[in-house]
Amino acid sequence: MVEPGEEPTTRERITDALRTEDYDAAELSTEVGVPRSAVYRHLDHVARTIESDAADERFLVAPPECRACGFDDFDDPLNDPSRCPECRSERIAEPRFLIE
């Protein structure tokens, strides 16, 4: 919880954004003003915090998907794969995140 007059942390801004709509890492990067590569580190912490809290919230992830063959069974959905393990295509849609 942010006290009046205090600036929210990056993770608090990410959490607040994900409570309103789903985002991919690039969109979150723009929304909260941090590099896209840093978003994934923050998302890992946000996910652990949401899962450990007693609140009735869930951290949801729509996994990355290959735009060429439709493969979506990546090992780690909180990752940004560069290539499809099935067809080797680099046309990968980023995972999408939401707090519900």
PDB file of N, CA and C in Angstrom:
ATOM      1  N   MET A   1       0.843  -1.179   0.000  1.00  0.00           N
ATOM      2  CA  MET A   1       0.000   0.000   0.000  1.00  0.00           C
ATOM      3  C   MET A   1       0.887   1.241   0.000  1.00  0.00           C
ATOM      4  N   VAL A   2       0.559   2.171  -0.855  1.00  0.00           N
ATOM      5  CA  VAL A   2       1.349   3.390  -0.982  1.00  0.00           C
ATOM      6  C   VAL A   2       0.750   4.468  -0.089  1.00  0.00           C
ATOM      7  N   GLU A   3       1.616   5.070   0.705  1.00  0.00           N
ATOM      8  CA  GLU A   3       1.186   6.159   1.580  1.00  0.00           C
ATOM      9  C   GLU A   3       0.982   7.427   0.753  1.00  0.00           C
ATOM     10  N   PRO A   4       0.078   8.306   1.183  1.00  0.00           N
ATOM     11  CA  PRO A   4      -0.109   9.569   0.466  1.00  0.00           C
ATOM     12  C   PRO A   4       1.212  10.332   0.363  1.00  0.00           C
ATOM     13  N   GLY A   5       1.504  10.836  -0.826  1.00  0.00           N
ATOM     14  CA  GLY A   5       2.728  11.590  -1.050  1.00  0.00           C
ATOM     15  C   GLY A   5       3.903  10.723  -1.477  1.00  0.00           C
ATOM     16  N   GLU A   6       3.781   9.393  -1.359  1.00  0.00           N
ATOM     17  CA  GLU A   6       4.848   8.485  -1.788  1.00  0.00           C
ATOM     18  C   GLU A   6       4.617   8.046  -3.222  1.00  0.00           C
ATOM     19  N   GLU A   7       5.700   7.809  -3.925  1.00  0.00           N
ATOM     20  CA  GLU A   7       5.649   7.300  -5.290  1.00  0.00           C
ATOM     21  C   GLU A   7       5.537   5.776  -5.216  1.00  0.00           C
ATOM     22  N   PRO A   8       4.647   5.168  -5.984  1.00  0.00           N
ATOM     23  CA  PRO A   8       4.575   3.692  -5.973  1.00  0.00           C
ATOM     24  C   PRO A   8       5.819   3.089  -6.613  1.00  0.00           C
ATOM     25  N   THR A   9       6.194   1.903  -6.149  1.00  0.00           N
ATOM     26  CA  THR A   9       7.339   1.213  -6.724  1.00  0.00           C
ATOM     27  C   THR A   9       6.969   0.684  -8.107  1.00  0.00           C
ATOM     28  N   THR A  10       7.967   0.257  -8.842  1.00  0.00           N
ATOM     29  CA  THR A  10       7.728  -0.319 -10.172  1.00  0.00           C
ATOM     30  C   THR A  10       6.811  -1.529 -10.051  1.00  0.00           C
ATOM     31  N   ARG A  11       7.054  -2.374  -9.085  1.00  0.00           N
ATOM     32  CA  ARG A  11       6.212  -3.576  -8.921  1.00  0.00           C
ATOM     33  C   ARG A  11       4.786  -3.204  -8.537  1.00  0.00           C
ATOM     34  N   GLU A  12       4.616  -2.182  -7.743  1.00  0.00           N
ATOM     35  CA  GLU A  12       3.260  -1.728  -7.404  1.00  0.00           C
ATOM     36  C   GLU A  12       2.554  -1.176  -8.646  1.00  0.00           C
ATOM     37  N   ARG A  13       3.289  -0.462  -9.491  1.00  0.00           N
ATOM     38  CA  ARG A  13       2.688   0.063 -10.726  1.00  0.00           C
ATOM     39  C   ARG A  13       2.310  -1.073 -11.670  1.00  0.00           C
ATOM     40  N   ILE A  14       3.174  -2.088 -11.762  1.00  0.00           N
ATOM     41  CA  ILE A  14       2.868  -3.253 -12.601  1.00  0.00           C
ATOM     42  C   ILE A  14       1.639  -3.987 -12.058  1.00  0.00           C
ATOM     43  N   THR A  15       1.598  -4.195 -10.763  1.00  0.00           N
ATOM     44  CA  THR A  15       0.462  -4.874 -10.137  1.00  0.00           C
ATOM     45  C   THR A  15      -0.825  -4.114 -10.385  1.00  0.00           C
ATOM     46  N   ASP A  16      -0.800  -2.814 -10.191  1.00  0.00           N
ATOM     47  CA  ASP A  16      -1.999  -1.998 -10.421  1.00  0.00           C
ATOM     48  C   ASP A  16      -2.455  -2.072 -11.878  1.00  0.00           C
ATOM     49  N   ALA A  17      -1.503  -2.029 -12.806  1.00  0.00           N
ATOM     50  CA  ALA A  17      -1.851  -2.106 -14.230  1.00  0.00           C
ATOM     51  C   ALA A  17      -2.482  -3.449 -14.555  1.00  0.00           C
ATOM     52  N   LEU A  18      -1.920  -4.532 -14.027  1.00  0.00           N
ATOM     53  CA  LEU A  18      -2.431  -5.873 -14.325  1.00  0.00           C
ATOM     54  C   LEU A  18      -3.787  -6.148 -13.683  1.00  0.00           C
ATOM     55  N   ARG A  19      -4.140  -5.359 -12.709  1.00  0.00           N
ATOM     56  CA  ARG A  19      -5.472  -5.509 -12.104  1.00  0.00           C
ATOM     57  C   ARG A  19      -6.559  -4.888 -12.975  1.00  0.00           C
ATOM     58  N   THR A  20      -6.180  -4.068 -13.945  1.00  0.00           N
ATOM     59  CA  THR A  20      -7.174  -3.399 -14.787  1.00  0.00           C
ATOM     60  C   THR A  20      -7.384  -4.097 -16.121  1.00  0.00           C
ATOM     61  N   GLU A  21      -6.288  -4.643 -16.712  1.00  0.00           N
ATOM     62  CA  GLU A  21      -6.396  -5.344 -17.999  1.00  0.00           C
ATOM     63  C   GLU A  21      -5.161  -6.197 -18.215  1.00  0.00           C
ATOM     64  N   ASP A  22      -5.202  -7.050 -19.242  1.00  0.00           N
ATOM     65  CA  ASP A  22      -4.046  -7.891 -19.526  1.00  0.00           C
ATOM     66  C   ASP A  22      -3.040  -7.124 -20.384  1.00  0.00           C
ATOM     67  N   TYR A  23      -1.774  -7.461 -20.174  1.00  0.00           N
ATOM     68  CA  TYR A  23      -0.669  -6.808 -20.880  1.00  0.00           C
ATOM     69  C   TYR A  23       0.353  -7.849 -21.271  1.00  0.00           C
ATOM     70  N   ASP A  24       1.124  -7.549 -22.306  1.00  0.00           N
ATOM     71  CA  ASP A  24       2.335  -8.314 -22.559  1.00  0.00           C
ATOM     72  C   ASP A  24       3.501  -7.472 -22.023  1.00  0.00           C
ATOM     73  N   ALA A  25       4.707  -8.021 -22.057  1.00  0.00           N
ATOM     74  CA  ALA A  25       5.862  -7.326 -21.469  1.00  0.00           C
ATOM     75  C   ALA A  25       6.159  -6.000 -22.149  1.00  0.00           C
ATOM     76  N   ALA A  26       6.013  -5.944 -23.464  1.00  0.00           N
ATOM     77  CA  ALA A  26       6.282  -4.696 -24.182  1.00  0.00           C
ATOM     78  C   ALA A  26       5.291  -3.606 -23.763  1.00  0.00           C
ATOM     79  N   GLU A  27       4.037  -3.974 -23.636  1.00  0.00           N
ATOM     80  CA  GLU A  27       3.013  -3.005 -23.220  1.00  0.00           C
ATOM     81  C   GLU A  27       3.249  -2.542 -21.787  1.00  0.00           C
ATOM     82  N   LEU A  28       3.611  -3.479 -20.901  1.00  0.00           N
ATOM     83  CA  LEU A  28       3.911  -3.099 -19.515  1.00  0.00           C
ATOM     84  C   LEU A  28       5.125  -2.187 -19.440  1.00  0.00           C
ATOM     85  N   SER A  29       6.110  -2.464 -20.274  1.00  0.00           N
ATOM     86  CA  SER A  29       7.301  -1.636 -20.323  1.00  0.00           C
ATOM     87  C   SER A  29       6.929  -0.184 -20.610  1.00  0.00           C
ATOM     88  N   THR A  30       6.075   0.008 -21.588  1.00  0.00           N
ATOM     89  CA  THR A  30       5.616   1.353 -21.944  1.00  0.00           C
ATOM     90  C   THR A  30       4.761   1.953 -20.835  1.00  0.00           C
ATOM     91  N   GLU A  31       3.863   1.141 -20.276  1.00  0.00           N
ATOM     92  CA  GLU A  31       2.922   1.610 -19.251  1.00  0.00           C
ATOM     93  C   GLU A  31       3.626   2.102 -17.989  1.00  0.00           C
ATOM     94  N   VAL A  32       4.627   1.353 -17.523  1.00  0.00           N
ATOM     95  CA  VAL A  32       5.269   1.709 -16.254  1.00  0.00           C
ATOM     96  C   VAL A  32       6.637   2.358 -16.418  1.00  0.00           C
ATOM     97  N   GLY A  33       7.137   2.423 -17.650  1.00  0.00           N
ATOM     98  CA  GLY A  33       8.384   3.146 -17.903  1.00  0.00           C
ATOM     99  C   GLY A  33       9.653   2.442 -17.475  1.00  0.00           C
ATOM    100  N   VAL A  34       9.704   1.129 -17.661  1.00  0.00           N
ATOM    101  CA  VAL A  34      10.935   0.375 -17.385  1.00  0.00           C
ATOM    102  C   VAL A  34      11.298  -0.415 -18.636  1.00  0.00           C
ATOM    103  N   PRO A  35      12.568  -0.786 -18.790  1.00  0.00           N
ATOM    104  CA  PRO A  35      12.951  -1.580 -19.963  1.00  0.00           C
ATOM    105  C   PRO A  35      12.202  -2.916 -19.999  1.00  0.00           C
ATOM    106  N   ARG A  36      11.921  -3.363 -21.203  1.00  0.00           N
ATOM    107  CA  ARG A  36      11.181  -4.608 -21.390  1.00  0.00           C
ATOM    108  C   ARG A  36      11.883  -5.782 -20.706  1.00  0.00           C
ATOM    109  N   SER A  37      13.208  -5.810 -20.766  1.00  0.00           N
ATOM    110  CA  SER A  37      13.959  -6.903 -20.140  1.00  0.00           C
ATOM    111  C   SER A  37      13.764  -6.929 -18.621  1.00  0.00           C
ATOM    112  N   ALA A  38      13.561  -5.785 -18.009  1.00  0.00           N
ATOM    113  CA  ALA A  38      13.348  -5.718 -16.561  1.00  0.00           C
ATOM    114  C   ALA A  38      11.939  -6.141 -16.166  1.00  0.00           C
ATOM    115  N   VAL A  39      11.002  -6.032 -17.088  1.00  0.00           N
ATOM    116  CA  VAL A  39       9.604  -6.379 -16.783  1.00  0.00           C
ATOM    117  C   VAL A  39       9.499  -7.827 -16.338  1.00  0.00           C
ATOM    118  N   TYR A  40      10.193  -8.742 -16.998  1.00  0.00           N
ATOM    119  CA  TYR A  40      10.100 -10.158 -16.646  1.00  0.00           C
ATOM    120  C   TYR A  40      10.605 -10.435 -15.233  1.00  0.00           C
ATOM    121  N   ARG A  41      11.678  -9.755 -14.810  1.00  0.00           N
ATOM    122  CA  ARG A  41      12.165  -9.918 -13.431  1.00  0.00           C
ATOM    123  C   ARG A  41      11.124  -9.434 -12.442  1.00  0.00           C
ATOM    124  N   HIS A  42      10.503  -8.290 -12.736  1.00  0.00           N
ATOM    125  CA  HIS A  42       9.474  -7.766 -11.847  1.00  0.00           C
ATOM    126  C   HIS A  42       8.245  -8.673 -11.825  1.00  0.00           C
ATOM    127  N   LEU A  43       7.876  -9.213 -12.981  1.00  0.00           N
ATOM    128  CA  LEU A  43       6.706 -10.093 -13.053  1.00  0.00           C
ATOM    129  C   LEU A  43       6.889 -11.344 -12.204  1.00  0.00           C
ATOM    130  N   ASP A  44       8.096 -11.868 -12.166  1.00  0.00           N
ATOM    131  CA  ASP A  44       8.367 -13.038 -11.335  1.00  0.00           C
ATOM    132  C   ASP A  44       8.063 -12.726  -9.871  1.00  0.00           C
ATOM    133  N   HIS A  45       8.494 -11.571  -9.397  1.00  0.00           N
ATOM    134  CA  HIS A  45       8.250 -11.164  -8.010  1.00  0.00           C
ATOM    135  C   HIS A  45       6.766 -10.866  -7.775  1.00  0.00           C
ATOM    136  N   VAL A  46       6.138 -10.206  -8.722  1.00  0.00           N
ATOM    137  CA  VAL A  46       4.709  -9.896  -8.594  1.00  0.00           C
ATOM    138  C   VAL A  46       3.910 -11.199  -8.499  1.00  0.00           C
ATOM    139  N   ALA A  47       4.239 -12.172  -9.344  1.00  0.00           N
ATOM    140  CA  ALA A  47       3.534 -13.457  -9.331  1.00  0.00           C
ATOM    141  C   ALA A  47       3.697 -14.156  -7.987  1.00  0.00           C
ATOM    142  N   ARG A  48       4.912 -14.178  -7.459  1.00  0.00           N
ATOM    143  CA  ARG A  48       5.138 -14.825  -6.160  1.00  0.00           C
ATOM    144  C   ARG A  48       4.398 -14.102  -5.039  1.00  0.00           C
ATOM    145  N   THR A  49       4.364 -12.783  -5.092  1.00  0.00           N
ATOM    146  CA  THR A  49       3.655 -12.021  -4.070  1.00  0.00           C
ATOM    147  C   THR A  49       2.161 -12.294  -4.119  1.00  0.00           C
ATOM    148  N   ILE A  50       1.578 -12.274  -5.309  1.00  0.00           N
ATOM    149  CA  ILE A  50       0.141 -12.525  -5.454  1.00  0.00           C
ATOM    150  C   ILE A  50      -0.198 -13.929  -4.989  1.00  0.00           C
ATOM    151  N   GLU A  51       0.617 -14.907  -5.363  1.00  0.00           N
ATOM    152  CA  GLU A  51       0.350 -16.296  -4.988  1.00  0.00           C
ATOM    153  C   GLU A  51       0.524 -16.528  -3.486  1.00  0.00           C
ATOM    154  N   SER A  52       1.407 -15.768  -2.834  1.00  0.00           N
ATOM    155  CA  SER A  52       1.645 -15.978  -1.406  1.00  0.00           C
ATOM    156  C   SER A  52       0.675 -15.197  -0.519  1.00  0.00           C
ATOM    157  N   ASP A  53       0.058 -14.148  -1.050  1.00  0.00           N
ATOM    158  CA  ASP A  53      -0.897 -13.368  -0.268  1.00  0.00           C
ATOM    159  C   ASP A  53      -2.170 -14.169  -0.043  1.00  0.00           C
ATOM    160  N   ALA A  54      -2.842 -13.855   1.041  1.00  0.00           N
ATOM    161  CA  ALA A  54      -4.095 -14.538   1.357  1.00  0.00           C
ATOM    162  C   ALA A  54      -5.274 -13.956   0.569  1.00  0.00           C
ATOM    163  N   ALA A  55      -5.017 -12.957  -0.244  1.00  0.00           N
ATOM    164  CA  ALA A  55      -6.078 -12.311  -1.014  1.00  0.00           C
ATOM    165  C   ALA A  55      -6.682 -13.289  -2.023  1.00  0.00           C
ATOM    166  N   ASP A  56      -7.844 -12.960  -2.515  1.00  0.00           N
ATOM    167  CA  ASP A  56      -8.534 -13.802  -3.493  1.00  0.00           C
ATOM    168  C   ASP A  56      -8.133 -13.436  -4.917  1.00  0.00           C
ATOM    169  N   GLU A  57      -6.874 -13.144  -5.117  1.00  0.00           N
ATOM    170  CA  GLU A  57      -6.391 -12.779  -6.444  1.00  0.00           C
ATOM    171  C   GLU A  57      -5.538 -13.912  -7.005  1.00  0.00           C
ATOM    172  N   ARG A  58      -5.506 -13.956  -8.337  1.00  0.00           N
ATOM    173  CA  ARG A  58      -4.665 -14.929  -9.030  1.00  0.00           C
ATOM    174  C   ARG A  58      -3.861 -14.213 -10.102  1.00  0.00           C
ATOM    175  N   PHE A  59      -2.625 -14.646 -10.271  1.00  0.00           N
ATOM    176  CA  PHE A  59      -1.761 -14.140 -11.329  1.00  0.00           C
ATOM    177  C   PHE A  59      -1.928 -15.085 -12.509  1.00  0.00           C
ATOM    178  N   LEU A  60      -2.509 -14.588 -13.597  1.00  0.00           N
ATOM    179  CA  LEU A  60      -2.797 -15.421 -14.760  1.00  0.00           C
ATOM    180  C   LEU A  60      -1.824 -15.122 -15.894  1.00  0.00           C
ATOM    181  N   VAL A  61      -1.431 -16.172 -16.599  1.00  0.00           N
ATOM    182  CA  VAL A  61      -0.501 -16.033 -17.720  1.00  0.00           C
ATOM    183  C   VAL A  61      -1.076 -16.767 -18.925  1.00  0.00           C
ATOM    184  N   ALA A  62      -1.265 -16.042 -20.015  1.00  0.00           N
ATOM    185  CA  ALA A  62      -1.558 -16.673 -21.308  1.00  0.00           C
ATOM    186  C   ALA A  62      -0.192 -16.919 -21.929  1.00  0.00           C
ATOM    187  N   PRO A  63       0.192 -18.181 -22.140  1.00  0.00           N
ATOM    188  CA  PRO A  63       1.565 -18.484 -22.556  1.00  0.00           C
ATOM    189  C   PRO A  63       1.914 -17.913 -23.922  1.00  0.00           C
ATOM    190  N   PRO A  64       3.224 -17.802 -24.187  1.00  0.00           N
ATOM    191  CA  PRO A  64       3.642 -17.376 -25.520  1.00  0.00           C
ATOM    192  C   PRO A  64       3.139 -18.384 -26.550  1.00  0.00           C
ATOM    193  N   GLU A  65       2.968 -17.917 -27.768  1.00  0.00           N
ATOM    194  CA  GLU A  65       2.468 -18.802 -28.818  1.00  0.00           C
ATOM    195  C   GLU A  65       3.205 -18.533 -30.119  1.00  0.00           C
ATOM    196  N   CYS A  66       3.556 -19.605 -30.791  1.00  0.00           N
ATOM    197  CA  CYS A  66       4.213 -19.493 -32.089  1.00  0.00           C
ATOM    198  C   CYS A  66       3.165 -19.074 -33.117  1.00  0.00           C
ATOM    199  N   ARG A  67       3.447 -17.998 -33.817  1.00  0.00           N
ATOM    200  CA  ARG A  67       2.508 -17.514 -34.830  1.00  0.00           C
ATOM    201  C   ARG A  67       2.565 -18.351 -36.106  1.00  0.00           C
ATOM    202  N   ALA A  68       3.622 -19.131 -36.263  1.00  0.00           N
ATOM    203  CA  ALA A  68       3.767 -19.953 -37.461  1.00  0.00           C
ATOM    204  C   ALA A  68       3.032 -21.289 -37.336  1.00  0.00           C
ATOM    205  N   CYS A  69       3.201 -21.989 -36.189  1.00  0.00           N
ATOM    206  CA  CYS A  69       2.610 -23.324 -36.068  1.00  0.00           C
ATOM    207  C   CYS A  69       1.595 -23.444 -34.930  1.00  0.00           C
ATOM    208  N   GLY A  70       1.478 -22.417 -34.080  1.00  0.00           N
ATOM    209  CA  GLY A  70       0.507 -22.448 -32.991  1.00  0.00           C
ATOM    210  C   GLY A  70       0.995 -23.099 -31.712  1.00  0.00           C
ATOM    211  N   PHE A  71       2.245 -23.537 -31.658  1.00  0.00           N
ATOM    212  CA  PHE A  71       2.792 -24.170 -30.456  1.00  0.00           C
ATOM    213  C   PHE A  71       2.690 -23.209 -29.267  1.00  0.00           C
ATOM    214  N   ASP A  72       2.172 -23.725 -28.125  1.00  0.00           N
ATOM    215  CA  ASP A  72       2.049 -22.872 -26.933  1.00  0.00           C
ATOM    216  C   ASP A  72       2.405 -23.611 -25.648  1.00  0.00           C
ATOM    217  N   ASP A  73       3.165 -24.699 -25.751  1.00  0.00           N
ATOM    218  CA  ASP A  73       3.520 -25.498 -24.580  1.00  0.00           C
ATOM    219  C   ASP A  73       4.958 -25.218 -24.141  1.00  0.00           C
ATOM    220  N   PHE A  74       5.285 -23.934 -24.023  1.00  0.00           N
ATOM    221  CA  PHE A  74       6.625 -23.548 -23.596  1.00  0.00           C
ATOM    222  C   PHE A  74       6.832 -23.916 -22.131  1.00  0.00           C
ATOM    223  N   ASP A  75       8.075 -24.234 -21.765  1.00  0.00           N
ATOM    224  CA  ASP A  75       8.406 -24.680 -20.412  1.00  0.00           C
ATOM    225  C   ASP A  75       8.103 -23.636 -19.345  1.00  0.00           C
ATOM    226  N   ASP A  76       8.445 -22.394 -19.617  1.00  0.00           N
ATOM    227  CA  ASP A  76       8.307 -21.329 -18.622  1.00  0.00           C
ATOM    228  C   ASP A  76       7.498 -20.184 -19.217  1.00  0.00           C
ATOM    229  N   PRO A  77       6.225 -20.039 -18.816  1.00  0.00           N
ATOM    230  CA  PRO A  77       5.408 -18.970 -19.388  1.00  0.00           C
ATOM    231  C   PRO A  77       5.858 -17.571 -18.976  1.00  0.00           C
ATOM    232  N   LEU A  78       6.681 -17.457 -17.934  1.00  0.00           N
ATOM    233  CA  LEU A  78       7.218 -16.151 -17.533  1.00  0.00           C
ATOM    234  C   LEU A  78       8.557 -15.897 -18.205  1.00  0.00           C
ATOM    235  N   ASN A  79       8.689 -16.365 -19.409  1.00  0.00           N
ATOM    236  CA  ASN A  79       9.914 -16.225 -20.161  1.00  0.00           C
ATOM    237  C   ASN A  79       9.564 -15.648 -21.529  1.00  0.00           C
ATOM    238  N   ASP A  80      10.551 -15.122 -22.193  1.00  0.00           N
ATOM    239  CA  ASP A  80      10.361 -14.569 -23.527  1.00  0.00           C
ATOM    240  C   ASP A  80      11.160 -15.416 -24.511  1.00  0.00           C
ATOM    241  N   PRO A  81      10.561 -16.506 -25.011  1.00  0.00           N
ATOM    242  CA  PRO A  81      11.317 -17.377 -25.905  1.00  0.00           C
ATOM    243  C   PRO A  81      11.659 -16.677 -27.215  1.00  0.00           C
ATOM    244  N   SER A  82      12.797 -17.021 -27.763  1.00  0.00           N
ATOM    245  CA  SER A  82      13.221 -16.390 -29.012  1.00  0.00           C
ATOM    246  C   SER A  82      12.883 -17.241 -30.229  1.00  0.00           C
ATOM    247  N   ARG A  83      12.623 -18.522 -30.000  1.00  0.00           N
ATOM    248  CA  ARG A  83      12.392 -19.429 -31.118  1.00  0.00           C
ATOM    249  C   ARG A  83      11.462 -20.554 -30.679  1.00  0.00           C
ATOM    250  N   CYS A  84      10.628 -21.010 -31.590  1.00  0.00           N
ATOM    251  CA  CYS A  84       9.704 -22.117 -31.340  1.00  0.00           C
ATOM    252  C   CYS A  84      10.483 -23.438 -31.335  1.00  0.00           C
ATOM    253  N   PRO A  85      10.294 -24.279 -30.310  1.00  0.00           N
ATOM    254  CA  PRO A  85      11.002 -25.558 -30.296  1.00  0.00           C
ATOM    255  C   PRO A  85      10.458 -26.561 -31.325  1.00  0.00           C
ATOM    256  N   GLU A  86       9.273 -26.329 -31.823  1.00  0.00           N
ATOM    257  CA  GLU A  86       8.675 -27.234 -32.806  1.00  0.00           C
ATOM    258  C   GLU A  86       9.124 -26.922 -34.227  1.00  0.00           C
ATOM    259  N   CYS A  87       8.896 -25.687 -34.681  1.00  0.00           N
ATOM    260  CA  CYS A  87       9.164 -25.341 -36.080  1.00  0.00           C
ATOM    261  C   CYS A  87      10.360 -24.410 -36.252  1.00  0.00           C
ATOM    262  N   ARG A  88      10.958 -23.979 -35.140  1.00  0.00           N
ATOM    263  CA  ARG A  88      12.136 -23.094 -35.130  1.00  0.00           C
ATOM    264  C   ARG A  88      11.849 -21.671 -35.598  1.00  0.00           C
ATOM    265  N   SER A  89      10.599 -21.331 -35.760  1.00  0.00           N
ATOM    266  CA  SER A  89      10.226 -19.981 -36.169  1.00  0.00           C
ATOM    267  C   SER A  89      10.554 -18.988 -35.053  1.00  0.00           C
ATOM    268  N   GLU A  90      10.860 -17.779 -35.423  1.00  0.00           N
ATOM    269  CA  GLU A  90      11.106 -16.714 -34.451  1.00  0.00           C
ATOM    270  C   GLU A  90       9.894 -15.812 -34.298  1.00  0.00           C
ATOM    271  N   ARG A  91       8.790 -16.173 -34.913  1.00  0.00           N
ATOM    272  CA  ARG A  91       7.555 -15.386 -34.848  1.00  0.00           C
ATOM    273  C   ARG A  91       6.746 -15.823 -33.624  1.00  0.00           C
ATOM    274  N   ILE A  92       7.155 -15.360 -32.459  1.00  0.00           N
ATOM    275  CA  ILE A  92       6.543 -15.770 -31.198  1.00  0.00           C
ATOM    276  C   ILE A  92       5.746 -14.605 -30.613  1.00  0.00           C
ATOM    277  N   ALA A  93       4.464 -14.846 -30.319  1.00  0.00           N
ATOM    278  CA  ALA A  93       3.644 -13.849 -29.628  1.00  0.00           C
ATOM    279  C   ALA A  93       4.006 -13.895 -28.147  1.00  0.00           C
ATOM    280  N   GLU A  94       4.219 -12.738 -27.556  1.00  0.00           N
ATOM    281  CA  GLU A  94       4.603 -12.665 -26.151  1.00  0.00           C
ATOM    282  C   GLU A  94       3.497 -13.195 -25.242  1.00  0.00           C
ATOM    283  N   PRO A  95       3.883 -13.711 -24.061  1.00  0.00           N
ATOM    284  CA  PRO A  95       2.854 -14.092 -23.096  1.00  0.00           C
ATOM    285  C   PRO A  95       2.110 -12.846 -22.617  1.00  0.00           C
ATOM    286  N   ARG A  96       0.876 -13.044 -22.166  1.00  0.00           N
ATOM    287  CA  ARG A  96       0.057 -11.945 -21.635  1.00  0.00           C
ATOM    288  C   ARG A  96      -0.224 -12.239 -20.171  1.00  0.00           C
ATOM    289  N   PHE A  97      -0.294 -11.165 -19.380  1.00  0.00           N
ATOM    290  CA  PHE A  97      -0.409 -11.298 -17.935  1.00  0.00           C
ATOM    291  C   PHE A  97      -1.613 -10.517 -17.428  1.00  0.00           C
ATOM    292  N   LEU A  98      -2.228 -11.044 -16.348  1.00  0.00           N
ATOM    293  CA  LEU A  98      -3.392 -10.403 -15.753  1.00  0.00           C
ATOM    294  C   LEU A  98      -3.485 -10.830 -14.303  1.00  0.00           C
ATOM    295  N   ILE A  99      -3.933  -9.921 -13.455  1.00  0.00           N
ATOM    296  CA  ILE A  99      -4.246 -10.265 -12.069  1.00  0.00           C
ATOM    297  C   ILE A  99      -5.756 -10.199 -11.952  1.00  0.00           C
ATOM    298  N   GLU A 100      -6.312 -11.321 -11.530  1.00  0.00           N
ATOM    299  CA  GLU A 100      -7.770 -11.418 -11.441  1.00  0.00           C
ATOM    300  C   GLU A 100      -8.194 -11.731 -10.030  1.00  0.00           C
TER     301      GLU A 100
END
